[in-house]
PDB file of N, CA and C in Angstrom:
ATOM      1  N   UNK A   1       0.835  -1.176   0.000  1.00  0.00           N
ATOM      2  CA  UNK A   1       0.000   0.000   0.000  1.00  0.00           C
ATOM      3  C   UNK A   1       0.886   1.247   0.000  1.00  0.00           C
ATOM      4  N   UNK A   2       0.503   2.220  -0.784  1.00  0.00           N
ATOM      5  CA  UNK A   2       1.272   3.447  -0.922  1.00  0.00           C
ATOM      6  C   UNK A   2       0.816   4.444   0.142  1.00  0.00           C
ATOM      7  N   UNK A   3       1.779   5.053   0.812  1.00  0.00           N
ATOM      8  CA  UNK A   3       1.449   5.991   1.886  1.00  0.00           C
ATOM      9  C   UNK A   3       1.081   7.366   1.320  1.00  0.00           C
ATOM     10  N   UNK A   4       0.439   8.150   2.151  1.00  0.00           N
ATOM     11  CA  UNK A   4       0.090   9.522   1.778  1.00  0.00           C
ATOM     12  C   UNK A   4       1.358  10.318   1.461  1.00  0.00           C
ATOM     13  N   UNK A   5       2.416  10.079   2.218  1.00  0.00           N
ATOM     14  CA  UNK A   5       3.689  10.768   1.993  1.00  0.00           C
ATOM     15  C   UNK A   5       4.257  10.422   0.609  1.00  0.00           C
ATOM     16  N   UNK A   6       4.171   9.161   0.222  1.00  0.00           N
ATOM     17  CA  UNK A   6       4.656   8.745  -1.093  1.00  0.00           C
ATOM     18  C   UNK A   6       3.840   9.393  -2.211  1.00  0.00           C
ATOM     19  N   UNK A   7       2.528   9.482  -2.007  1.00  0.00           N
ATOM     20  CA  UNK A   7       1.677  10.125  -3.017  1.00  0.00           C
ATOM     21  C   UNK A   7       1.974  11.619  -3.105  1.00  0.00           C
ATOM     22  N   UNK A   8       2.249  12.247  -1.984  1.00  0.00           N
ATOM     23  CA  UNK A   8       2.621  13.665  -1.972  1.00  0.00           C
ATOM     24  C   UNK A   8       3.942  13.870  -2.719  1.00  0.00           C
ATOM     25  N   UNK A   9       4.883  12.975  -2.531  1.00  0.00           N
ATOM     26  CA  UNK A   9       6.153  13.044  -3.249  1.00  0.00           C
ATOM     27  C   UNK A   9       5.946  12.863  -4.753  1.00  0.00           C
ATOM     28  N   UNK A  10       5.058  11.947  -5.117  1.00  0.00           N
ATOM     29  CA  UNK A  10       4.741  11.740  -6.535  1.00  0.00           C
ATOM     30  C   UNK A  10       4.116  12.996  -7.132  1.00  0.00           C
ATOM     31  N   UNK A  11       3.170  13.588  -6.415  1.00  0.00           N
ATOM     32  CA  UNK A  11       2.526  14.828  -6.884  1.00  0.00           C
ATOM     33  C   UNK A  11       3.571  15.916  -7.105  1.00  0.00           C
ATOM     34  N   UNK A  12       4.462  16.075  -6.149  1.00  0.00           N
ATOM     35  CA  UNK A  12       5.499  17.100  -6.243  1.00  0.00           C
ATOM     36  C   UNK A  12       6.423  16.842  -7.434  1.00  0.00           C
ATOM     37  N   UNK A  13       6.780  15.581  -7.640  1.00  0.00           N
ATOM     38  CA  UNK A  13       7.664  15.225  -8.763  1.00  0.00           C
ATOM     39  C   UNK A  13       6.985  15.531 -10.107  1.00  0.00           C
ATOM     40  N   UNK A  14       5.742  15.103 -10.257  1.00  0.00           N
ATOM     41  CA  UNK A  14       5.033  15.328 -11.515  1.00  0.00           C
ATOM     42  C   UNK A  14       4.815  16.822 -11.740  1.00  0.00           C
ATOM     43  N   UNK A  15       4.432  17.527 -10.695  1.00  0.00           N
ATOM     44  CA  UNK A  15       4.222  18.972 -10.816  1.00  0.00           C
ATOM     45  C   UNK A  15       5.508  19.660 -11.258  1.00  0.00           C
ATOM     46  N   UNK A  16       6.619  19.272 -10.702  1.00  0.00           N
ATOM     47  CA  UNK A  16       7.915  19.843 -11.068  1.00  0.00           C
ATOM     48  C   UNK A  16       8.251  19.565 -12.537  1.00  0.00           C
ATOM     49  N   UNK A  17       8.047  18.319 -12.963  1.00  0.00           N
ATOM     50  CA  UNK A  17       8.307  17.961 -14.363  1.00  0.00           C
ATOM     51  C   UNK A  17       7.412  18.752 -15.321  1.00  0.00           C
ATOM     52  N   UNK A  18       6.133  18.886 -14.969  1.00  0.00           N
ATOM     53  CA  UNK A  18       5.205  19.638 -15.822  1.00  0.00           C
ATOM     54  C   UNK A  18       5.558  21.118 -15.854  1.00  0.00           C
ATOM     55  N   UNK A  19       5.933  21.683 -14.709  1.00  0.00           N
ATOM     56  CA  UNK A  19       6.308  23.097 -14.681  1.00  0.00           C
ATOM     57  C   UNK A  19       7.574  23.360 -15.488  1.00  0.00           C
ATOM     58  N   UNK A  20       8.473  22.396 -15.477  1.00  0.00           N
ATOM     59  CA  UNK A  20       9.710  22.506 -16.256  1.00  0.00           C
ATOM     60  C   UNK A  20       9.415  22.451 -17.759  1.00  0.00           C
ATOM     61  N   UNK A  21       8.573  21.520 -18.153  1.00  0.00           N
ATOM     62  CA  UNK A  21       8.277  21.313 -19.576  1.00  0.00           C
ATOM     63  C   UNK A  21       7.231  22.286 -20.115  1.00  0.00           C
ATOM     64  N   UNK A  22       6.310  22.718 -19.266  1.00  0.00           N
ATOM     65  CA  UNK A  22       5.180  23.569 -19.684  1.00  0.00           C
ATOM     66  C   UNK A  22       4.970  24.686 -18.658  1.00  0.00           C
ATOM     67  N   UNK A  23       5.859  25.673 -18.630  1.00  0.00           N
ATOM     68  CA  UNK A  23       5.748  26.735 -17.620  1.00  0.00           C
ATOM     69  C   UNK A  23       4.356  27.383 -17.631  1.00  0.00           C
ATOM     70  N   UNK A  24       3.776  27.481 -16.456  1.00  0.00           N
ATOM     71  CA  UNK A  24       2.470  28.120 -16.312  1.00  0.00           C
ATOM     72  C   UNK A  24       1.275  27.249 -16.629  1.00  0.00           C
ATOM     73  N   UNK A  25       1.490  26.021 -17.085  1.00  0.00           N
ATOM     74  CA  UNK A  25       0.376  25.161 -17.500  1.00  0.00           C
ATOM     75  C   UNK A  25      -0.317  24.479 -16.316  1.00  0.00           C
ATOM     76  N   UNK A  26       0.381  24.312 -15.194  1.00  0.00           N
ATOM     77  CA  UNK A  26      -0.241  23.722 -14.004  1.00  0.00           C
ATOM     78  C   UNK A  26      -0.934  24.852 -13.244  1.00  0.00           C
ATOM     79  N   UNK A  27      -2.257  24.832 -13.255  1.00  0.00           N
ATOM     80  CA  UNK A  27      -3.038  25.870 -12.595  1.00  0.00           C
ATOM     81  C   UNK A  27      -3.250  25.568 -11.122  1.00  0.00           C
ATOM     82  N   UNK A  28      -3.268  24.273 -10.781  1.00  0.00           N
ATOM     83  CA  UNK A  28      -3.475  23.860  -9.401  1.00  0.00           C
ATOM     84  C   UNK A  28      -3.022  22.408  -9.263  1.00  0.00           C
ATOM     85  N   UNK A  29      -2.420  22.092  -8.124  1.00  0.00           N
ATOM     86  CA  UNK A  29      -2.000  20.715  -7.847  1.00  0.00           C
ATOM     87  C   UNK A  29      -2.369  20.390  -6.408  1.00  0.00           C
ATOM     88  N   UNK A  30      -3.124  19.309  -6.227  1.00  0.00           N
ATOM     89  CA  UNK A  30      -3.558  18.897  -4.896  1.00  0.00           C
ATOM     90  C   UNK A  30      -3.452  17.381  -4.772  1.00  0.00           C
ATOM     91  N   UNK A  31      -3.651  16.913  -3.568  1.00  0.00           N
ATOM     92  CA  UNK A  31      -3.746  15.480  -3.317  1.00  0.00           C
ATOM     93  C   UNK A  31      -5.156  15.237  -2.813  1.00  0.00           C
ATOM     94  N   UNK A  32      -5.994  14.631  -3.662  1.00  0.00           N
ATOM     95  CA  UNK A  32      -7.396  14.365  -3.324  1.00  0.00           C
ATOM     96  C   UNK A  32      -7.643  12.867  -3.348  1.00  0.00           C
ATOM     97  N   UNK A  33      -8.237  12.364  -2.274  1.00  0.00           N
ATOM     98  CA  UNK A  33      -8.564  10.937  -2.173  1.00  0.00           C
ATOM     99  C   UNK A  33      -7.353  10.067  -2.457  1.00  0.00           C
ATOM    100  N   UNK A  34      -6.199  10.475  -1.956  1.00  0.00           N
ATOM    101  CA  UNK A  34      -4.941   9.730  -2.113  1.00  0.00           C
ATOM    102  C   UNK A  34      -4.410   9.704  -3.541  1.00  0.00           C
ATOM    103  N   UNK A  35      -4.864  10.625  -4.387  1.00  0.00           N
ATOM    104  CA  UNK A  35      -4.383  10.716  -5.755  1.00  0.00           C
ATOM    105  C   UNK A  35      -3.880  12.124  -6.042  1.00  0.00           C
ATOM    106  N   UNK A  36      -2.762  12.252  -6.764  1.00  0.00           N
ATOM    107  CA  UNK A  36      -2.360  13.575  -7.224  1.00  0.00           C
ATOM    108  C   UNK A  36      -3.377  14.073  -8.258  1.00  0.00           C
ATOM    109  N   UNK A  37      -3.810  15.312  -8.097  1.00  0.00           N
ATOM    110  CA  UNK A  37      -4.799  15.916  -8.990  1.00  0.00           C
ATOM    111  C   UNK A  37      -4.224  17.217  -9.517  1.00  0.00           C
ATOM    112  N   UNK A  38      -4.274  17.378 -10.844  1.00  0.00           N
ATOM    113  CA  UNK A  38      -3.722  18.565 -11.482  1.00  0.00           C
ATOM    114  C   UNK A  38      -4.788  19.250 -12.319  1.00  0.00           C
ATOM    115  N   UNK A  39      -4.944  20.526 -12.115  1.00  0.00           N
ATOM    116  CA  UNK A  39      -5.767  21.347 -12.998  1.00  0.00           C
ATOM    117  C   UNK A  39      -4.801  22.005 -13.973  1.00  0.00           C
ATOM    118  N   UNK A  40      -5.053  21.792 -15.266  1.00  0.00           N
ATOM    119  CA  UNK A  40      -4.105  22.198 -16.301  1.00  0.00           C
ATOM    120  C   UNK A  40      -4.716  23.194 -17.277  1.00  0.00           C
ATOM    121  N   UNK A  41      -3.854  23.972 -17.886  1.00  0.00           N
ATOM    122  CA  UNK A  41      -4.256  24.870 -18.964  1.00  0.00           C
ATOM    123  C   UNK A  41      -4.714  24.004 -20.139  1.00  0.00           C
ATOM    124  N   UNK A  42      -5.997  24.125 -20.498  1.00  0.00           N
ATOM    125  CA  UNK A  42      -6.553  23.237 -21.531  1.00  0.00           C
ATOM    126  C   UNK A  42      -5.900  23.431 -22.896  1.00  0.00           C
ATOM    127  N   UNK A  43      -5.306  24.581 -23.150  1.00  0.00           N
ATOM    128  CA  UNK A  43      -4.655  24.799 -24.451  1.00  0.00           C
ATOM    129  C   UNK A  43      -3.383  23.964 -24.594  1.00  0.00           C
ATOM    130  N   UNK A  44      -2.869  23.441 -23.491  1.00  0.00           N
ATOM    131  CA  UNK A  44      -1.658  22.605 -23.506  1.00  0.00           C
ATOM    132  C   UNK A  44      -1.979  21.125 -23.303  1.00  0.00           C
ATOM    133  N   UNK A  45      -3.253  20.786 -23.290  1.00  0.00           N
ATOM    134  CA  UNK A  45      -3.692  19.446 -22.916  1.00  0.00           C
ATOM    135  C   UNK A  45      -3.023  18.330 -23.726  1.00  0.00           C
ATOM    136  N   UNK A  46      -3.105  18.396 -25.037  1.00  0.00           N
ATOM    137  CA  UNK A  46      -2.562  17.314 -25.862  1.00  0.00           C
ATOM    138  C   UNK A  46      -1.054  17.171 -25.661  1.00  0.00           C
ATOM    139  N   UNK A  47      -0.348  18.291 -25.597  1.00  0.00           N
ATOM    140  CA  UNK A  47       1.100  18.233 -25.379  1.00  0.00           C
ATOM    141  C   UNK A  47       1.426  17.634 -24.014  1.00  0.00           C
ATOM    142  N   UNK A  48       0.660  17.995 -22.996  1.00  0.00           N
ATOM    143  CA  UNK A  48       0.905  17.465 -21.655  1.00  0.00           C
ATOM    144  C   UNK A  48       0.609  15.973 -21.598  1.00  0.00           C
ATOM    145  N   UNK A  49      -0.487  15.541 -22.183  1.00  0.00           N
ATOM    146  CA  UNK A  49      -0.815  14.113 -22.179  1.00  0.00           C
ATOM    147  C   UNK A  49       0.239  13.306 -22.935  1.00  0.00           C
ATOM    148  N   UNK A  50       0.708  13.823 -24.053  1.00  0.00           N
ATOM    149  CA  UNK A  50       1.769  13.160 -24.809  1.00  0.00           C
ATOM    150  C   UNK A  50       3.031  13.058 -23.969  1.00  0.00           C
ATOM    151  N   UNK A  51       3.369  14.136 -23.283  1.00  0.00           N
ATOM    152  CA  UNK A  51       4.528  14.155 -22.404  1.00  0.00           C
ATOM    153  C   UNK A  51       4.386  13.111 -21.290  1.00  0.00           C
ATOM    154  N   UNK A  52       3.245  13.085 -20.625  1.00  0.00           N
ATOM    155  CA  UNK A  52       3.033  12.144 -19.522  1.00  0.00           C
ATOM    156  C   UNK A  52       3.120  10.693 -19.978  1.00  0.00           C
ATOM    157  N   UNK A  53       2.739  10.450 -21.210  1.00  0.00           N
ATOM    158  CA  UNK A  53       2.805   9.086 -21.745  1.00  0.00           C
ATOM    159  C   UNK A  53       4.218   8.722 -22.191  1.00  0.00           C
ATOM    160  N   UNK A  54       4.911   9.637 -22.838  1.00  0.00           N
ATOM    161  CA  UNK A  54       6.159   9.281 -23.514  1.00  0.00           C
ATOM    162  C   UNK A  54       7.431   9.572 -22.726  1.00  0.00           C
ATOM    163  N   UNK A  55       7.402  10.488 -21.779  1.00  0.00           N
ATOM    164  CA  UNK A  55       8.615  10.818 -21.034  1.00  0.00           C
ATOM    165  C   UNK A  55       8.989   9.656 -20.114  1.00  0.00           C
ATOM    166  N   UNK A  56      10.244   9.248 -20.141  1.00  0.00           N
ATOM    167  CA  UNK A  56      10.690   8.084 -19.362  1.00  0.00           C
ATOM    168  C   UNK A  56      10.578   8.307 -17.853  1.00  0.00           C
ATOM    169  N   UNK A  57      10.523   9.555 -17.419  1.00  0.00           N
ATOM    170  CA  UNK A  57      10.394   9.840 -15.984  1.00  0.00           C
ATOM    171  C   UNK A  57       8.950   9.708 -15.494  1.00  0.00           C
ATOM    172  N   UNK A  58       7.997   9.655 -16.424  1.00  0.00           N
ATOM    173  CA  UNK A  58       6.587   9.521 -16.037  1.00  0.00           C
ATOM    174  C   UNK A  58       6.026   8.202 -16.550  1.00  0.00           C
ATOM    175  N   UNK A  59       5.913   8.045 -17.850  1.00  0.00           N
ATOM    176  CA  UNK A  59       5.482   6.778 -18.426  1.00  0.00           C
ATOM    177  C   UNK A  59       4.057   6.367 -18.137  1.00  0.00           C
ATOM    178  N   UNK A  60       3.162   7.339 -18.017  1.00  0.00           N
ATOM    179  CA  UNK A  60       1.753   7.026 -17.786  1.00  0.00           C
ATOM    180  C   UNK A  60       1.127   6.565 -19.103  1.00  0.00           C
ATOM    181  N   UNK A  61       1.177   5.279 -19.364  1.00  0.00           N
ATOM    182  CA  UNK A  61       0.740   4.753 -20.642  1.00  0.00           C
ATOM    183  C   UNK A  61      -0.649   4.146 -20.657  1.00  0.00           C
ATOM    184  N   UNK A  62      -1.382   4.248 -19.556  1.00  0.00           N
ATOM    185  CA  UNK A  62      -2.670   3.577 -19.489  1.00  0.00           C
ATOM    186  C   UNK A  62      -3.726   4.531 -18.941  1.00  0.00           C
ATOM    187  N   UNK A  63      -4.714   4.830 -19.754  1.00  0.00           N
ATOM    188  CA  UNK A  63      -5.831   5.682 -19.356  1.00  0.00           C
ATOM    189  C   UNK A  63      -6.978   4.778 -18.940  1.00  0.00           C
ATOM    190  N   UNK A  64      -7.374   4.863 -17.654  1.00  0.00           N
ATOM    191  CA  UNK A  64      -8.455   4.000 -17.186  1.00  0.00           C
ATOM    192  C   UNK A  64      -9.800   4.706 -17.151  1.00  0.00           C
ATOM    193  N   UNK A  65      -9.784   6.022 -16.951  1.00  0.00           N
ATOM    194  CA  UNK A  65     -11.042   6.744 -16.793  1.00  0.00           C
ATOM    195  C   UNK A  65     -10.971   8.088 -17.500  1.00  0.00           C
ATOM    196  N   UNK A  66     -12.054   8.427 -18.163  1.00  0.00           N
ATOM    197  CA  UNK A  66     -12.227   9.755 -18.744  1.00  0.00           C
ATOM    198  C   UNK A  66     -13.673  10.121 -18.469  1.00  0.00           C
ATOM    199  N   UNK A  67     -13.880  11.208 -17.746  1.00  0.00           N
ATOM    200  CA  UNK A  67     -15.242  11.557 -17.337  1.00  0.00           C
ATOM    201  C   UNK A  67     -15.446  13.061 -17.385  1.00  0.00           C
ATOM    202  N   UNK A  68     -16.656  13.459 -17.708  1.00  0.00           N
ATOM    203  CA  UNK A  68     -17.028  14.861 -17.646  1.00  0.00           C
ATOM    204  C   UNK A  68     -17.411  15.238 -16.225  1.00  0.00           C
ATOM    205  N   UNK A  69     -17.099  16.469 -15.848  1.00  0.00           N
ATOM    206  CA  UNK A  69     -17.406  16.974 -14.516  1.00  0.00           C
ATOM    207  C   UNK A  69     -18.310  18.189 -14.628  1.00  0.00           C
ATOM    208  N   UNK A  70     -19.217  18.342 -13.688  1.00  0.00           N
ATOM    209  CA  UNK A  70     -20.125  19.496 -13.680  1.00  0.00           C
ATOM    210  C   UNK A  70     -20.109  20.128 -12.295  1.00  0.00           C
ATOM    211  N   UNK A  71     -19.713  21.383 -12.258  1.00  0.00           N
ATOM    212  CA  UNK A  71     -19.697  22.175 -11.030  1.00  0.00           C
ATOM    213  C   UNK A  71     -20.614  23.376 -11.241  1.00  0.00           C
ATOM    214  N   UNK A  72     -21.922  23.240 -11.035  1.00  0.00           N
ATOM    215  CA  UNK A  72     -22.874  24.302 -11.371  1.00  0.00           C
ATOM    216  C   UNK A  72     -22.662  25.600 -10.598  1.00  0.00           C
ATOM    217  N   UNK A  73     -22.038  25.536  -9.444  1.00  0.00           N
ATOM    218  CA  UNK A  73     -21.821  26.744  -8.641  1.00  0.00           C
ATOM    219  C   UNK A  73     -20.475  27.409  -8.898  1.00  0.00           C
ATOM    220  N   UNK A  74     -19.704  26.888  -9.836  1.00  0.00           N
ATOM    221  CA  UNK A  74     -18.365  27.401 -10.110  1.00  0.00           C
ATOM    222  C   UNK A  74     -18.401  28.267 -11.381  1.00  0.00           C
ATOM    223  N   UNK A  75     -18.742  29.529 -11.225  1.00  0.00           N
ATOM    224  CA  UNK A  75     -18.922  30.445 -12.361  1.00  0.00           C
ATOM    225  C   UNK A  75     -17.701  30.447 -13.279  1.00  0.00           C
ATOM    226  N   UNK A  76     -17.954  30.364 -14.553  1.00  0.00           N
ATOM    227  CA  UNK A  76     -16.950  30.350 -15.625  1.00  0.00           C
ATOM    228  C   UNK A  76     -16.106  29.082 -15.662  1.00  0.00           C
ATOM    229  N   UNK A  77     -16.337  28.154 -14.751  1.00  0.00           N
ATOM    230  CA  UNK A  77     -15.647  26.858 -14.756  1.00  0.00           C
ATOM    231  C   UNK A  77     -16.636  25.768 -14.385  1.00  0.00           C
ATOM    232  N   UNK A  78     -17.819  25.817 -14.999  1.00  0.00           N
ATOM    233  CA  UNK A  78     -18.864  24.867 -14.641  1.00  0.00           C
ATOM    234  C   UNK A  78     -18.568  23.449 -15.109  1.00  0.00           C
ATOM    235  N   UNK A  79     -17.796  23.335 -16.197  1.00  0.00           N
ATOM    236  CA  UNK A  79     -17.552  22.025 -16.793  1.00  0.00           C
ATOM    237  C   UNK A  79     -16.063  21.728 -16.844  1.00  0.00           C
ATOM    238  N   UNK A  80     -15.740  20.466 -16.712  1.00  0.00           N
ATOM    239  CA  UNK A  80     -14.353  20.040 -16.799  1.00  0.00           C
ATOM    240  C   UNK A  80     -14.281  18.583 -17.214  1.00  0.00           C
ATOM    241  N   UNK A  81     -13.071  18.116 -17.379  1.00  0.00           N
ATOM    242  CA  UNK A  81     -12.818  16.715 -17.707  1.00  0.00           C
ATOM    243  C   UNK A  81     -11.853  16.147 -16.682  1.00  0.00           C
ATOM    244  N   UNK A  82     -12.012  14.855 -16.401  1.00  0.00           N
ATOM    245  CA  UNK A  82     -11.145  14.162 -15.482  1.00  0.00           C
ATOM    246  C   UNK A  82     -10.585  12.943 -16.198  1.00  0.00           C
ATOM    247  N   UNK A  83      -9.274  12.798 -16.111  1.00  0.00           N
ATOM    248  CA  UNK A  83      -8.591  11.663 -16.718  1.00  0.00           C
ATOM    249  C   UNK A  83      -7.771  10.977 -15.633  1.00  0.00           C
ATOM    250  N   UNK A  84      -7.884   9.654 -15.543  1.00  0.00           N
ATOM    251  CA  UNK A  84      -7.065   8.896 -14.606  1.00  0.00           C
ATOM    252  C   UNK A  84      -6.031   8.117 -15.415  1.00  0.00           C
ATOM    253  N   UNK A  85      -4.781   8.437 -15.169  1.00  0.00           N
ATOM    254  CA  UNK A  85      -3.672   7.804 -15.866  1.00  0.00           C
ATOM    255  C   UNK A  85      -2.924   6.881 -14.905  1.00  0.00           C
ATOM    256  N   UNK A  86      -2.388   5.800 -15.446  1.00  0.00           N
ATOM    257  CA  UNK A  86      -1.646   4.842 -14.637  1.00  0.00           C
ATOM    258  C   UNK A  86      -0.358   4.463 -15.340  1.00  0.00           C
ATOM    259  N   UNK A  87       0.618   4.137 -14.546  1.00  0.00           N
ATOM    260  CA  UNK A  87       1.886   3.590 -15.051  1.00  0.00           C
ATOM    261  C   UNK A  87       1.906   2.121 -14.686  1.00  0.00           C
ATOM    262  N   UNK A  88       1.888   1.284 -15.701  1.00  0.00           N
ATOM    263  CA  UNK A  88       1.871  -0.166 -15.433  1.00  0.00           C
ATOM    264  C   UNK A  88       3.237  -0.776 -15.670  1.00  0.00           C
TER     265      UNK A  88
END
């Protein structure tokens, strides 16, 4: 079982790699439900997903979930997408 500390370290590592490769593209990074969660600049989405899949330091090659999100009380950000990536 992976500890909360290990997940926090993973979040920090991924956030650092993304900030290095895509300055300003990480809008928010949190640890929710024991998972690193990143809010990203949607204009960089395809480049970031390609990076997460192909970079040897990340290697997230398996997409298990893609879901639409609805936040009716969040003005100007009512809709979003959620992707769960895994490294196998």
